[in-house]
Amino acid sequence: MVGAGFVILIVLWTICILICIISTRCEGAVAYIGILCILIAIIITLGLWFHPRGEVREDKFIIYDQTYAGRTALVSVLGIVLFAGVIVFTIFHLFDQRRPCPIKPPSY
């Protein structure tokens, strides 16, 4: 079952990637709008990630996880870095310019 936050993140990152692709063809200061869009998407993603998901119950026996925020922040940062790495790898691998080299006749 997918929640509303997940759908918001999918739509947000899809729009962000489309804006980045469109802004790479622009010239001047407009070309940097893709970077700004990614930064805004990261801030919104982190805000939704750390937003409380439900009501707090007051039970008698509650086990507190002291490292939850640290682990969540670490997973968030690693996920963003992984996403950025896949994008950079794709850009450098798929869009690498390949030039034809002349075929030399065999020398006997």
PDB file of N, CA and C in Angstrom:
ATOM      1  N   MET A   1       0.845  -1.172   0.000  1.00  0.00           N
ATOM      2  CA  MET A   1       0.000   0.000   0.000  1.00  0.00           C
ATOM      3  C   MET A   1       0.887   1.230   0.000  1.00  0.00           C
ATOM      4  N   VAL A   2       0.615   2.127  -0.901  1.00  0.00           N
ATOM      5  CA  VAL A   2       1.422   3.326  -1.072  1.00  0.00           C
ATOM      6  C   VAL A   2       0.686   4.504  -0.473  1.00  0.00           C
ATOM      7  N   GLY A   3       1.422   5.297   0.313  1.00  0.00           N
ATOM      8  CA  GLY A   3       0.830   6.455   0.955  1.00  0.00           C
ATOM      9  C   GLY A   3       0.892   7.699   0.085  1.00  0.00           C
ATOM     10  N   ALA A   4       0.296   8.760   0.614  1.00  0.00           N
ATOM     11  CA  ALA A   4       0.255  10.019  -0.135  1.00  0.00           C
ATOM     12  C   ALA A   4       1.636  10.642  -0.254  1.00  0.00           C
ATOM     13  N   GLY A   5       2.465  10.488   0.769  1.00  0.00           N
ATOM     14  CA  GLY A   5       3.805  11.056   0.725  1.00  0.00           C
ATOM     15  C   GLY A   5       4.654  10.453  -0.377  1.00  0.00           C
ATOM     16  N   PHE A   6       4.500   9.154  -0.597  1.00  0.00           N
ATOM     17  CA  PHE A   6       5.255   8.478  -1.650  1.00  0.00           C
ATOM     18  C   PHE A   6       4.842   8.991  -3.020  1.00  0.00           C
ATOM     19  N   VAL A   7       3.554   9.189  -3.219  1.00  0.00           N
ATOM     20  CA  VAL A   7       3.058   9.711  -4.491  1.00  0.00           C
ATOM     21  C   VAL A   7       3.566  11.139  -4.705  1.00  0.00           C
ATOM     22  N   ILE A   8       3.574  11.943  -3.631  1.00  0.00           N
ATOM     23  CA  ILE A   8       4.086  13.309  -3.721  1.00  0.00           C
ATOM     24  C   ILE A   8       5.553  13.295  -4.125  1.00  0.00           C
ATOM     25  N   LEU A   9       6.330  12.395  -3.544  1.00  0.00           N
ATOM     26  CA  LEU A   9       7.750  12.320  -3.879  1.00  0.00           C
ATOM     27  C   LEU A   9       7.979  11.878  -5.318  1.00  0.00           C
ATOM     28  N   ILE A  10       7.195  10.934  -5.806  1.00  0.00           N
ATOM     29  CA  ILE A  10       7.335  10.492  -7.197  1.00  0.00           C
ATOM     30  C   ILE A  10       7.032  11.640  -8.155  1.00  0.00           C
ATOM     31  N   VAL A  11       5.941  12.355  -7.902  1.00  0.00           N
ATOM     32  CA  VAL A  11       5.575  13.476  -8.771  1.00  0.00           C
ATOM     33  C   VAL A  11       6.626  14.574  -8.676  1.00  0.00           C
ATOM     34  N   LEU A  12       7.095  14.869  -7.471  1.00  0.00           N
ATOM     35  CA  LEU A  12       8.092  15.918  -7.258  1.00  0.00           C
ATOM     36  C   LEU A  12       9.386  15.620  -8.018  1.00  0.00           C
ATOM     37  N   TRP A  13       9.902  14.394  -7.867  1.00  0.00           N
ATOM     38  CA  TRP A  13      11.168  14.059  -8.517  1.00  0.00           C
ATOM     39  C   TRP A  13      11.011  13.912 -10.026  1.00  0.00           C
ATOM     40  N   THR A  14       9.848  13.488 -10.505  1.00  0.00           N
ATOM     41  CA  THR A  14       9.615  13.416 -11.943  1.00  0.00           C
ATOM     42  C   THR A  14       9.630  14.812 -12.560  1.00  0.00           C
ATOM     43  N   ILE A  15       8.939  15.745 -11.919  1.00  0.00           N
ATOM     44  CA  ILE A  15       8.931  17.126 -12.406  1.00  0.00           C
ATOM     45  C   ILE A  15      10.333  17.727 -12.322  1.00  0.00           C
ATOM     46  N   CYS A  16      11.046  17.425 -11.245  1.00  0.00           N
ATOM     47  CA  CYS A  16      12.393  17.946 -11.067  1.00  0.00           C
ATOM     48  C   CYS A  16      13.333  17.435 -12.157  1.00  0.00           C
ATOM     49  N   ILE A  17      13.268  16.168 -12.470  1.00  0.00           N
ATOM     50  CA  ILE A  17      14.130  15.606 -13.515  1.00  0.00           C
ATOM     51  C   ILE A  17      13.773  16.186 -14.881  1.00  0.00           C
ATOM     52  N   LEU A  18      12.486  16.368 -15.156  1.00  0.00           N
ATOM     53  CA  LEU A  18      12.089  16.975 -16.424  1.00  0.00           C
ATOM     54  C   LEU A  18      12.590  18.412 -16.543  1.00  0.00           C
ATOM     55  N   ILE A  19      12.507  19.173 -15.453  1.00  0.00           N
ATOM     56  CA  ILE A  19      13.015  20.553 -15.465  1.00  0.00           C
ATOM     57  C   ILE A  19      14.522  20.561 -15.664  1.00  0.00           C
ATOM     58  N   CYS A  20      15.218  19.615 -15.048  1.00  0.00           N
ATOM     59  CA  CYS A  20      16.670  19.532 -15.232  1.00  0.00           C
ATOM     60  C   CYS A  20      17.034  19.218 -16.678  1.00  0.00           C
ATOM     61  N   ILE A  21      16.312  18.306 -17.284  1.00  0.00           N
ATOM     62  CA  ILE A  21      16.590  17.953 -18.682  1.00  0.00           C
ATOM     63  C   ILE A  21      16.300  19.135 -19.604  1.00  0.00           C
ATOM     64  N   ILE A  22      15.214  19.834 -19.351  1.00  0.00           N
ATOM     65  CA  ILE A  22      14.866  20.986 -20.179  1.00  0.00           C
ATOM     66  C   ILE A  22      15.866  22.117 -19.976  1.00  0.00           C
ATOM     67  N   SER A  23      16.297  22.340 -18.731  1.00  0.00           N
ATOM     68  CA  SER A  23      17.185  23.477 -18.465  1.00  0.00           C
ATOM     69  C   SER A  23      18.605  23.247 -18.964  1.00  0.00           C
ATOM     70  N   THR A  24      18.983  22.015 -19.290  1.00  0.00           N
ATOM     71  CA  THR A  24      20.322  21.792 -19.825  1.00  0.00           C
ATOM     72  C   THR A  24      20.476  22.361 -21.232  1.00  0.00           C
ATOM     73  N   ARG A  25      19.390  22.547 -21.930  1.00  0.00           N
ATOM     74  CA  ARG A  25      19.444  23.107 -23.277  1.00  0.00           C
ATOM     75  C   ARG A  25      19.381  24.634 -23.278  1.00  0.00           C
ATOM     76  N   CYS A  26      19.132  25.249 -22.136  1.00  0.00           N
ATOM     77  CA  CYS A  26      19.016  26.703 -22.065  1.00  0.00           C
ATOM     78  C   CYS A  26      20.388  27.341 -21.904  1.00  0.00           C
ATOM     79  N   GLU A  27      20.440  28.623 -22.173  1.00  0.00           N
ATOM     80  CA  GLU A  27      21.680  29.370 -22.031  1.00  0.00           C
ATOM     81  C   GLU A  27      21.488  30.467 -20.995  1.00  0.00           C
ATOM     82  N   GLY A  28      22.591  30.900 -20.415  1.00  0.00           N
ATOM     83  CA  GLY A  28      22.554  31.998 -19.459  1.00  0.00           C
ATOM     84  C   GLY A  28      22.205  31.513 -18.064  1.00  0.00           C
ATOM     85  N   ALA A  29      21.571  32.400 -17.308  1.00  0.00           N
ATOM     86  CA  ALA A  29      21.236  32.091 -15.915  1.00  0.00           C
ATOM     87  C   ALA A  29      20.116  31.068 -15.798  1.00  0.00           C
ATOM     88  N   VAL A  30      19.332  30.903 -16.830  1.00  0.00           N
ATOM     89  CA  VAL A  30      18.231  29.940 -16.795  1.00  0.00           C
ATOM     90  C   VAL A  30      18.756  28.508 -16.734  1.00  0.00           C
ATOM     91  N   ALA A  31      19.972  28.292 -17.188  1.00  0.00           N
ATOM     92  CA  ALA A  31      20.541  26.944 -17.204  1.00  0.00           C
ATOM     93  C   ALA A  31      20.766  26.411 -15.800  1.00  0.00           C
ATOM     94  N   TYR A  32      20.882  27.301 -14.819  1.00  0.00           N
ATOM     95  CA  TYR A  32      21.120  26.876 -13.437  1.00  0.00           C
ATOM     96  C   TYR A  32      19.838  26.581 -12.674  1.00  0.00           C
ATOM     97  N   ILE A  33      18.701  26.696 -13.304  1.00  0.00           N
ATOM     98  CA  ILE A  33      17.445  26.433 -12.612  1.00  0.00           C
ATOM     99  C   ILE A  33      17.292  24.955 -12.270  1.00  0.00           C
ATOM    100  N   GLY A  34      17.960  24.080 -13.014  1.00  0.00           N
ATOM    101  CA  GLY A  34      17.914  22.646 -12.720  1.00  0.00           C
ATOM    102  C   GLY A  34      18.557  22.332 -11.381  1.00  0.00           C
ATOM    103  N   ILE A  35      19.693  22.981 -11.080  1.00  0.00           N
ATOM    104  CA  ILE A  35      20.361  22.782  -9.793  1.00  0.00           C
ATOM    105  C   ILE A  35      19.478  23.285  -8.660  1.00  0.00           C
ATOM    106  N   LEU A  36      18.853  24.429  -8.855  1.00  0.00           N
ATOM    107  CA  LEU A  36      17.948  24.970  -7.844  1.00  0.00           C
ATOM    108  C   LEU A  36      16.761  24.033  -7.623  1.00  0.00           C
ATOM    109  N   CYS A  37      16.260  23.458  -8.702  1.00  0.00           N
ATOM    110  CA  CYS A  37      15.131  22.528  -8.607  1.00  0.00           C
ATOM    111  C   CYS A  37      15.525  21.282  -7.812  1.00  0.00           C
ATOM    112  N   ILE A  38      16.729  20.770  -8.031  1.00  0.00           N
ATOM    113  CA  ILE A  38      17.185  19.597  -7.285  1.00  0.00           C
ATOM    114  C   ILE A  38      17.327  19.927  -5.800  1.00  0.00           C
ATOM    115  N   LEU A  39      17.873  21.087  -5.481  1.00  0.00           N
ATOM    116  CA  LEU A  39      18.022  21.473  -4.073  1.00  0.00           C
ATOM    117  C   LEU A  39      16.663  21.613  -3.381  1.00  0.00           C
ATOM    118  N   ILE A  40      15.707  22.193  -4.063  1.00  0.00           N
ATOM    119  CA  ILE A  40      14.358  22.325  -3.485  1.00  0.00           C
ATOM    120  C   ILE A  40      13.725  20.941  -3.309  1.00  0.00           C
ATOM    121  N   ALA A  41      13.905  20.058  -4.273  1.00  0.00           N
ATOM    122  CA  ALA A  41      13.357  18.701  -4.167  1.00  0.00           C
ATOM    123  C   ALA A  41      13.997  17.935  -3.010  1.00  0.00           C
ATOM    124  N   ILE A  42      15.299  18.121  -2.791  1.00  0.00           N
ATOM    125  CA  ILE A  42      15.971  17.460  -1.668  1.00  0.00           C
ATOM    126  C   ILE A  42      15.421  17.969  -0.346  1.00  0.00           C
ATOM    127  N   ILE A  43      15.214  19.276  -0.240  1.00  0.00           N
ATOM    128  CA  ILE A  43      14.667  19.845   0.999  1.00  0.00           C
ATOM    129  C   ILE A  43      13.263  19.329   1.263  1.00  0.00           C
ATOM    130  N   ILE A  44      12.426  19.279   0.242  1.00  0.00           N
ATOM    131  CA  ILE A  44      11.056  18.772   0.409  1.00  0.00           C
ATOM    132  C   ILE A  44      11.075  17.287   0.750  1.00  0.00           C
ATOM    133  N   THR A  45      11.967  16.528   0.117  1.00  0.00           N
ATOM    134  CA  THR A  45      12.078  15.096   0.403  1.00  0.00           C
ATOM    135  C   THR A  45      12.480  14.859   1.855  1.00  0.00           C
ATOM    136  N   LEU A  46      13.481  15.594   2.327  1.00  0.00           N
ATOM    137  CA  LEU A  46      13.901  15.437   3.725  1.00  0.00           C
ATOM    138  C   LEU A  46      12.799  15.874   4.694  1.00  0.00           C
ATOM    139  N   GLY A  47      12.072  16.917   4.333  1.00  0.00           N
ATOM    140  CA  GLY A  47      10.958  17.350   5.178  1.00  0.00           C
ATOM    141  C   GLY A  47       9.870  16.295   5.284  1.00  0.00           C
ATOM    142  N   LEU A  48       9.534  15.674   4.159  1.00  0.00           N
ATOM    143  CA  LEU A  48       8.530  14.609   4.195  1.00  0.00           C
ATOM    144  C   LEU A  48       9.062  13.356   4.875  1.00  0.00           C
ATOM    145  N   TRP A  49      10.365  13.106   4.744  1.00  0.00           N
ATOM    146  CA  TRP A  49      10.967  11.908   5.340  1.00  0.00           C
ATOM    147  C   TRP A  49      10.922  11.981   6.868  1.00  0.00           C
ATOM    148  N   PHE A  50      11.228  13.160   7.425  1.00  0.00           N
ATOM    149  CA  PHE A  50      11.290  13.303   8.874  1.00  0.00           C
ATOM    150  C   PHE A  50       9.963  13.738   9.498  1.00  0.00           C
ATOM    151  N   HIS A  51       8.947  13.968   8.689  1.00  0.00           N
ATOM    152  CA  HIS A  51       7.648  14.384   9.222  1.00  0.00           C
ATOM    153  C   HIS A  51       7.007  13.210   9.960  1.00  0.00           C
ATOM    154  N   PRO A  52       6.414  13.468  11.139  1.00  0.00           N
ATOM    155  CA  PRO A  52       5.778  12.358  11.860  1.00  0.00           C
ATOM    156  C   PRO A  52       4.620  11.767  11.057  1.00  0.00           C
ATOM    157  N   ARG A  53       4.513  10.452  11.142  1.00  0.00           N
ATOM    158  CA  ARG A  53       3.535   9.751  10.311  1.00  0.00           C
ATOM    159  C   ARG A  53       2.220   9.448  11.013  1.00  0.00           C
ATOM    160  N   GLY A  54       2.197   9.524  12.288  1.00  0.00           N
ATOM    161  CA  GLY A  54       0.963   9.192  12.994  1.00  0.00           C
ATOM    162  C   GLY A  54       0.961   9.749  14.402  1.00  0.00           C
ATOM    163  N   GLU A  55      -0.076   9.418  15.121  1.00  0.00           N
ATOM    164  CA  GLU A  55      -0.196   9.893  16.492  1.00  0.00           C
ATOM    165  C   GLU A  55       0.704   9.093  17.423  1.00  0.00           C
ATOM    166  N   VAL A  56       1.122   9.743  18.486  1.00  0.00           N
ATOM    167  CA  VAL A  56       1.957   9.086  19.479  1.00  0.00           C
ATOM    168  C   VAL A  56       1.049   8.452  20.524  1.00  0.00           C
ATOM    169  N   ARG A  57       1.238   7.148  20.754  1.00  0.00           N
ATOM    170  CA  ARG A  57       0.450   6.450  21.767  1.00  0.00           C
ATOM    171  C   ARG A  57       1.212   6.466  23.083  1.00  0.00           C
ATOM    172  N   GLU A  58       0.494   6.605  24.140  1.00  0.00           N
ATOM    173  CA  GLU A  58       1.119   6.602  25.452  1.00  0.00           C
ATOM    174  C   GLU A  58       0.903   5.231  26.099  1.00  0.00           C
ATOM    175  N   ASP A  59       1.756   4.304  25.746  1.00  0.00           N
ATOM    176  CA  ASP A  59       1.711   2.975  26.342  1.00  0.00           C
ATOM    177  C   ASP A  59       2.623   2.944  27.561  1.00  0.00           C
ATOM    178  N   LYS A  60       2.398   1.937  28.388  1.00  0.00           N
ATOM    179  CA  LYS A  60       3.225   1.813  29.591  1.00  0.00           C
ATOM    180  C   LYS A  60       4.617   1.299  29.250  1.00  0.00           C
ATOM    181  N   PHE A  61       4.693   0.388  28.297  1.00  0.00           N
ATOM    182  CA  PHE A  61       5.969  -0.193  27.914  1.00  0.00           C
ATOM    183  C   PHE A  61       6.334   0.275  26.502  1.00  0.00           C
ATOM    184  N   ILE A  62       7.158   1.280  26.442  1.00  0.00           N
ATOM    185  CA  ILE A  62       7.593   1.831  25.166  1.00  0.00           C
ATOM    186  C   ILE A  62       9.101   1.641  25.067  1.00  0.00           C
ATOM    187  N   ILE A  63       9.541   1.129  23.935  1.00  0.00           N
ATOM    188  CA  ILE A  63      10.960   0.979  23.682  1.00  0.00           C
ATOM    189  C   ILE A  63      11.376   2.114  22.750  1.00  0.00           C
ATOM    190  N   TYR A  64      12.313   2.921  23.197  1.00  0.00           N
ATOM    191  CA  TYR A  64      12.774   4.049  22.411  1.00  0.00           C
ATOM    192  C   TYR A  64      14.019   3.656  21.620  1.00  0.00           C
ATOM    193  N   ASP A  65      14.012   4.024  20.382  1.00  0.00           N
ATOM    194  CA  ASP A  65      15.162   3.788  19.512  1.00  0.00           C
ATOM    195  C   ASP A  65      15.952   5.088  19.439  1.00  0.00           C
ATOM    196  N   GLN A  66      17.080   5.139  20.104  1.00  0.00           N
ATOM    197  CA  GLN A  66      17.857   6.370  20.196  1.00  0.00           C
ATOM    198  C   GLN A  66      18.599   6.692  18.902  1.00  0.00           C
ATOM    199  N   THR A  67      18.820   5.711  18.066  1.00  0.00           N
ATOM    200  CA  THR A  67      19.598   5.939  16.845  1.00  0.00           C
ATOM    201  C   THR A  67      18.722   6.065  15.594  1.00  0.00           C
ATOM    202  N   TYR A  68      17.419   6.224  15.761  1.00  0.00           N
ATOM    203  CA  TYR A  68      16.521   6.276  14.616  1.00  0.00           C
ATOM    204  C   TYR A  68      16.823   7.479  13.723  1.00  0.00           C
ATOM    205  N   ALA A  69      16.973   8.656  14.318  1.00  0.00           N
ATOM    206  CA  ALA A  69      17.200   9.865  13.519  1.00  0.00           C
ATOM    207  C   ALA A  69      18.533   9.779  12.781  1.00  0.00           C
ATOM    208  N   GLY A  70      19.558   9.284  13.434  1.00  0.00           N
ATOM    209  CA  GLY A  70      20.863   9.163  12.785  1.00  0.00           C
ATOM    210  C   GLY A  70      20.846   8.182  11.634  1.00  0.00           C
ATOM    211  N   ARG A  71      20.221   7.027  11.857  1.00  0.00           N
ATOM    212  CA  ARG A  71      20.141   6.026  10.787  1.00  0.00           C
ATOM    213  C   ARG A  71      19.296   6.527   9.632  1.00  0.00           C
ATOM    214  N   THR A  72      18.202   7.198   9.937  1.00  0.00           N
ATOM    215  CA  THR A  72      17.343   7.719   8.885  1.00  0.00           C
ATOM    216  C   THR A  72      18.067   8.789   8.073  1.00  0.00           C
ATOM    217  N   ALA A  73      18.800   9.671   8.753  1.00  0.00           N
ATOM    218  CA  ALA A  73      19.559  10.702   8.041  1.00  0.00           C
ATOM    219  C   ALA A  73      20.640  10.067   7.175  1.00  0.00           C
ATOM    220  N   LEU A  74      21.318   9.050   7.705  1.00  0.00           N
ATOM    221  CA  LEU A  74      22.361   8.380   6.938  1.00  0.00           C
ATOM    222  C   LEU A  74      21.790   7.690   5.702  1.00  0.00           C
ATOM    223  N   VAL A  75      20.676   7.005   5.852  1.00  0.00           N
ATOM    224  CA  VAL A  75      20.041   6.346   4.706  1.00  0.00           C
ATOM    225  C   VAL A  75      19.570   7.383   3.695  1.00  0.00           C
ATOM    226  N   SER A  76      19.066   8.517   4.161  1.00  0.00           N
ATOM    227  CA  SER A  76      18.620   9.575   3.248  1.00  0.00           C
ATOM    228  C   SER A  76      19.785  10.127   2.447  1.00  0.00           C
ATOM    229  N   VAL A  77      20.876  10.447   3.124  1.00  0.00           N
ATOM    230  CA  VAL A  77      22.043  10.998   2.434  1.00  0.00           C
ATOM    231  C   VAL A  77      22.616   9.979   1.451  1.00  0.00           C
ATOM    232  N   LEU A  78      22.714   8.716   1.860  1.00  0.00           N
ATOM    233  CA  LEU A  78      23.243   7.689   0.969  1.00  0.00           C
ATOM    234  C   LEU A  78      22.326   7.465  -0.237  1.00  0.00           C
ATOM    235  N   GLY A  79      21.030   7.554  -0.031  1.00  0.00           N
ATOM    236  CA  GLY A  79      20.101   7.417  -1.154  1.00  0.00           C
ATOM    237  C   GLY A  79      20.240   8.560  -2.146  1.00  0.00           C
ATOM    238  N   ILE A  80      20.412   9.779  -1.644  1.00  0.00           N
ATOM    239  CA  ILE A  80      20.590  10.937  -2.525  1.00  0.00           C
ATOM    240  C   ILE A  80      21.905  10.821  -3.283  1.00  0.00           C
ATOM    241  N   VAL A  81      22.972  10.404  -2.593  1.00  0.00           N
ATOM    242  CA  VAL A  81      24.265  10.246  -3.250  1.00  0.00           C
ATOM    243  C   VAL A  81      24.205   9.126  -4.295  1.00  0.00           C
ATOM    244  N   LEU A  82      23.508   8.035  -3.993  1.00  0.00           N
ATOM    245  CA  LEU A  82      23.352   6.957  -4.961  1.00  0.00           C
ATOM    246  C   LEU A  82      22.602   7.442  -6.190  1.00  0.00           C
ATOM    247  N   PHE A  83      21.539   8.182  -5.979  1.00  0.00           N
ATOM    248  CA  PHE A  83      20.755   8.720  -7.085  1.00  0.00           C
ATOM    249  C   PHE A  83      21.606   9.656  -7.941  1.00  0.00           C
ATOM    250  N   ALA A  84      22.370  10.532  -7.299  1.00  0.00           N
ATOM    251  CA  ALA A  84      23.238  11.456  -8.030  1.00  0.00           C
ATOM    252  C   ALA A  84      24.318  10.683  -8.782  1.00  0.00           C
ATOM    253  N   GLY A  85      24.864   9.634  -8.179  1.00  0.00           N
ATOM    254  CA  GLY A  85      25.884   8.829  -8.844  1.00  0.00           C
ATOM    255  C   GLY A  85      25.349   8.120 -10.067  1.00  0.00           C
ATOM    256  N   VAL A  86      24.138   7.605  -9.981  1.00  0.00           N
ATOM    257  CA  VAL A  86      23.534   6.937 -11.140  1.00  0.00           C
ATOM    258  C   VAL A  86      23.296   7.941 -12.265  1.00  0.00           C
ATOM    259  N   ILE A  87      22.867   9.142 -11.913  1.00  0.00           N
ATOM    260  CA  ILE A  87      22.655  10.180 -12.927  1.00  0.00           C
ATOM    261  C   ILE A  87      23.978  10.553 -13.587  1.00  0.00           C
ATOM    262  N   VAL A  88      25.025  10.778 -12.784  1.00  0.00           N
ATOM    263  CA  VAL A  88      26.331  11.145 -13.347  1.00  0.00           C
ATOM    264  C   VAL A  88      26.891  10.010 -14.199  1.00  0.00           C
ATOM    265  N   PHE A  89      26.769   8.781 -13.739  1.00  0.00           N
ATOM    266  CA  PHE A  89      27.235   7.633 -14.524  1.00  0.00           C
ATOM    267  C   PHE A  89      26.490   7.558 -15.848  1.00  0.00           C
ATOM    268  N   THR A  90      25.196   7.766 -15.806  1.00  0.00           N
ATOM    269  CA  THR A  90      24.401   7.721 -17.027  1.00  0.00           C
ATOM    270  C   THR A  90      24.833   8.812 -17.994  1.00  0.00           C
ATOM    271  N   ILE A  91      25.064  10.011 -17.463  1.00  0.00           N
ATOM    272  CA  ILE A  91      25.469  11.115 -18.326  1.00  0.00           C
ATOM    273  C   ILE A  91      26.816  10.817 -18.976  1.00  0.00           C
ATOM    274  N   PHE A  92      27.787  10.362 -18.195  1.00  0.00           N
ATOM    275  CA  PHE A  92      29.114  10.131 -18.748  1.00  0.00           C
ATOM    276  C   PHE A  92      29.192   8.870 -19.598  1.00  0.00           C
ATOM    277  N   HIS A  93      28.380   7.887 -19.333  1.00  0.00           N
ATOM    278  CA  HIS A  93      28.458   6.635 -20.087  1.00  0.00           C
ATOM    279  C   HIS A  93      27.615   6.672 -21.364  1.00  0.00           C
ATOM    280  N   LEU A  94      26.379   7.069 -21.243  1.00  0.00           N
ATOM    281  CA  LEU A  94      25.494   7.029 -22.400  1.00  0.00           C
ATOM    282  C   LEU A  94      25.724   8.169 -23.368  1.00  0.00           C
ATOM    283  N   PHE A  95      26.089   9.339 -22.840  1.00  0.00           N
ATOM    284  CA  PHE A  95      26.226  10.501 -23.708  1.00  0.00           C
ATOM    285  C   PHE A  95      27.681  10.790 -24.070  1.00  0.00           C
ATOM    286  N   ASP A  96      28.542   9.805 -23.922  1.00  0.00           N
ATOM    287  CA  ASP A  96      29.937   9.959 -24.298  1.00  0.00           C
ATOM    288  C   ASP A  96      30.039   9.982 -25.810  1.00  0.00           C
ATOM    289  N   GLN A  97      30.748  10.972 -26.308  1.00  0.00           N
ATOM    290  CA  GLN A  97      30.855  11.111 -27.749  1.00  0.00           C
ATOM    291  C   GLN A  97      31.863  10.098 -28.283  1.00  0.00           C
ATOM    292  N   ARG A  98      31.446   9.357 -29.270  1.00  0.00           N
ATOM    293  CA  ARG A  98      32.311   8.367 -29.880  1.00  0.00           C
ATOM    294  C   ARG A  98      32.619   8.818 -31.304  1.00  0.00           C
ATOM    295  N   ARG A  99      33.903   8.881 -31.597  1.00  0.00           N
ATOM    296  CA  ARG A  99      34.333   9.327 -32.919  1.00  0.00           C
ATOM    297  C   ARG A  99      34.866   8.135 -33.705  1.00  0.00           C
ATOM    298  N   PRO A 100      34.563   8.105 -34.970  1.00  0.00           N
ATOM    299  CA  PRO A 100      35.072   6.987 -35.780  1.00  0.00           C
ATOM    300  C   PRO A 100      36.571   7.128 -36.007  1.00  0.00           C
ATOM    301  N   CYS A 101      37.257   6.039 -35.975  1.00  0.00           N
ATOM    302  CA  CYS A 101      38.682   6.054 -36.270  1.00  0.00           C
ATOM    303  C   CYS A 101      38.889   5.369 -37.622  1.00  0.00           C
ATOM    304  N   PRO A 102      39.852   5.845 -38.388  1.00  0.00           N
ATOM    305  CA  PRO A 102      40.051   5.273 -39.723  1.00  0.00           C
ATOM    306  C   PRO A 102      40.571   3.838 -39.633  1.00  0.00           C
ATOM    307  N   ILE A 103      40.145   3.048 -40.572  1.00  0.00           N
ATOM    308  CA  ILE A 103      40.602   1.663 -40.648  1.00  0.00           C
ATOM    309  C   ILE A 103      41.889   1.642 -41.445  1.00  0.00           C
ATOM    310  N   LYS A 104      42.918   1.164 -40.860  1.00  0.00           N
ATOM    311  CA  LYS A 104      44.211   1.125 -41.536  1.00  0.00           C
ATOM    312  C   LYS A 104      44.323  -0.200 -42.296  1.00  0.00           C
ATOM    313  N   PRO A 105      44.898  -0.139 -43.486  1.00  0.00           N
ATOM    314  CA  PRO A 105      45.070  -1.393 -44.218  1.00  0.00           C
ATOM    315  C   PRO A 105      46.170  -2.223 -43.561  1.00  0.00           C
ATOM    316  N   PRO A 106      46.016  -3.515 -43.590  1.00  0.00           N
ATOM    317  CA  PRO A 106      47.056  -4.343 -42.957  1.00  0.00           C
ATOM    318  C   PRO A 106      48.389  -4.230 -43.679  1.00  0.00           C
ATOM    319  N   SER A 107      49.443  -4.151 -42.908  1.00  0.00           N
ATOM    320  CA  SER A 107      50.796  -4.074 -43.494  1.00  0.00           C
ATOM    321  C   SER A 107      51.413  -5.467 -43.482  1.00  0.00           C
ATOM    322  N   TYR A 108      51.923  -5.870 -44.647  1.00  0.00           N
ATOM    323  CA  TYR A 108      52.514  -7.217 -44.771  1.00  0.00           C
ATOM    324  C   TYR A 108      54.012  -7.146 -44.773  1.00  0.00           C
TER     325      TYR A 108
END
